[in-house]
Amino acid sequence: MSKNEQYPDQVRIRLGLIDSEISERPEAHIFVTSQASWENCCDDLPCCDVYEPVR
């Protein structure tokens, strides 16, 4: 879990903590400039060099 003082109403839950089926799907790829060399984002999701813009 993480919080950001700039956005106090927002809480981010790490998906690795959930041990049941996850119906949500990714909405963006973040930190793409530091991704592993074997990573290939080949879908239509937006890519961000830093944190994803706040929705």
C-alpha atoms as a PDB file:
ATOM      1  CA  MET A   1       0.000   0.000   0.000  1.00  0.00           C
ATOM      2  CA  SER A   2       1.180   3.526  -0.626  1.00  0.00           C
ATOM      3  CA  LYS A   3      -0.120   7.020  -0.058  1.00  0.00           C
ATOM      4  CA  ASN A   4       0.914  10.391  -1.402  1.00  0.00           C
ATOM      5  CA  GLU A   5       0.543  13.557   0.676  1.00  0.00           C
ATOM      6  CA  GLN A   6      -0.237  15.448  -2.521  1.00  0.00           C
ATOM      7  CA  TYR A   7      -3.297  13.202  -3.091  1.00  0.00           C
ATOM      8  CA  PRO A   8      -4.568  12.291   0.407  1.00  0.00           C
ATOM      9  CA  ASP A   9      -7.784  10.695  -0.898  1.00  0.00           C
ATOM     10  CA  GLN A  10      -5.867   8.188  -3.009  1.00  0.00           C
ATOM     11  CA  VAL A  11      -4.553   4.857  -1.720  1.00  0.00           C
ATOM     12  CA  ARG A  12      -2.652   2.453  -3.972  1.00  0.00           C
ATOM     13  CA  ILE A  13      -2.778  -1.238  -3.211  1.00  0.00           C
ATOM     14  CA  ARG A  14       0.009  -3.471  -4.495  1.00  0.00           C
ATOM     15  CA  LEU A  15      -1.553  -6.231  -6.581  1.00  0.00           C
ATOM     16  CA  GLY A  16       0.861  -8.773  -5.114  1.00  0.00           C
ATOM     17  CA  LEU A  17      -1.070  -8.505  -1.832  1.00  0.00           C
ATOM     18  CA  ILE A  18      -4.292  -9.806  -3.379  1.00  0.00           C
ATOM     19  CA  ASP A  19      -4.717 -13.579  -3.297  1.00  0.00           C
ATOM     20  CA  SER A  20      -7.951 -13.835  -5.283  1.00  0.00           C
ATOM     21  CA  GLU A  21      -8.935 -13.271  -8.912  1.00  0.00           C
ATOM     22  CA  ILE A  22      -8.228  -9.732 -10.128  1.00  0.00           C
ATOM     23  CA  SER A  23     -10.744  -8.423 -12.645  1.00  0.00           C
ATOM     24  CA  GLU A  24      -9.070  -5.050 -13.183  1.00  0.00           C
ATOM     25  CA  ARG A  25      -6.658  -4.635 -16.067  1.00  0.00           C
ATOM     26  CA  PRO A  26      -3.664  -2.309 -16.478  1.00  0.00           C
ATOM     27  CA  GLU A  27      -4.457   1.236 -17.604  1.00  0.00           C
ATOM     28  CA  ALA A  28      -0.922   2.416 -18.412  1.00  0.00           C
ATOM     29  CA  HIS A  29       2.757   1.469 -18.386  1.00  0.00           C
ATOM     30  CA  ILE A  30       4.841   3.682 -16.096  1.00  0.00           C
ATOM     31  CA  PHE A  31       8.607   4.273 -15.852  1.00  0.00           C
ATOM     32  CA  VAL A  32       9.079   2.885 -19.366  1.00  0.00           C
ATOM     33  CA  THR A  33      12.501   4.518 -19.752  1.00  0.00           C
ATOM     34  CA  SER A  34      13.859   2.256 -17.000  1.00  0.00           C
ATOM     35  CA  GLN A  35      12.093  -0.962 -18.009  1.00  0.00           C
ATOM     36  CA  ALA A  36      14.033  -4.200 -18.381  1.00  0.00           C
ATOM     37  CA  SER A  37      15.624  -4.783 -21.786  1.00  0.00           C
ATOM     38  CA  TRP A  38      13.418  -7.854 -22.305  1.00  0.00           C
ATOM     39  CA  GLU A  39      10.186  -5.953 -21.607  1.00  0.00           C
ATOM     40  CA  ASN A  40       8.178  -5.176 -24.719  1.00  0.00           C
ATOM     41  CA  CYS A  41       5.067  -3.044 -24.222  1.00  0.00           C
ATOM     42  CA  CYS A  42       3.264  -4.070 -27.356  1.00  0.00           C
ATOM     43  CA  ASP A  43      -0.296  -3.107 -26.485  1.00  0.00           C
ATOM     44  CA  ASP A  44      -2.337   0.053 -26.899  1.00  0.00           C
ATOM     45  CA  LEU A  45      -1.925   1.285 -23.319  1.00  0.00           C
ATOM     46  CA  PRO A  46      -0.372   4.722 -22.781  1.00  0.00           C
ATOM     47  CA  CYS A  47       3.295   4.778 -21.735  1.00  0.00           C
ATOM     48  CA  CYS A  48       4.712   7.264 -19.216  1.00  0.00           C
ATOM     49  CA  ASP A  49       8.353   8.014 -18.432  1.00  0.00           C
ATOM     50  CA  VAL A  50       7.434   8.866 -14.836  1.00  0.00           C
ATOM     51  CA  TYR A  51       4.335   8.422 -12.714  1.00  0.00           C
ATOM     52  CA  GLU A  52       1.088   8.155 -14.631  1.00  0.00           C
ATOM     53  CA  PRO A  53      -0.898  11.414 -14.709  1.00  0.00           C
ATOM     54  CA  VAL A  54      -3.573  11.571 -12.026  1.00  0.00           C
ATOM     55  CA  ARG A  55      -6.961  10.485 -13.339  1.00  0.00           C
END
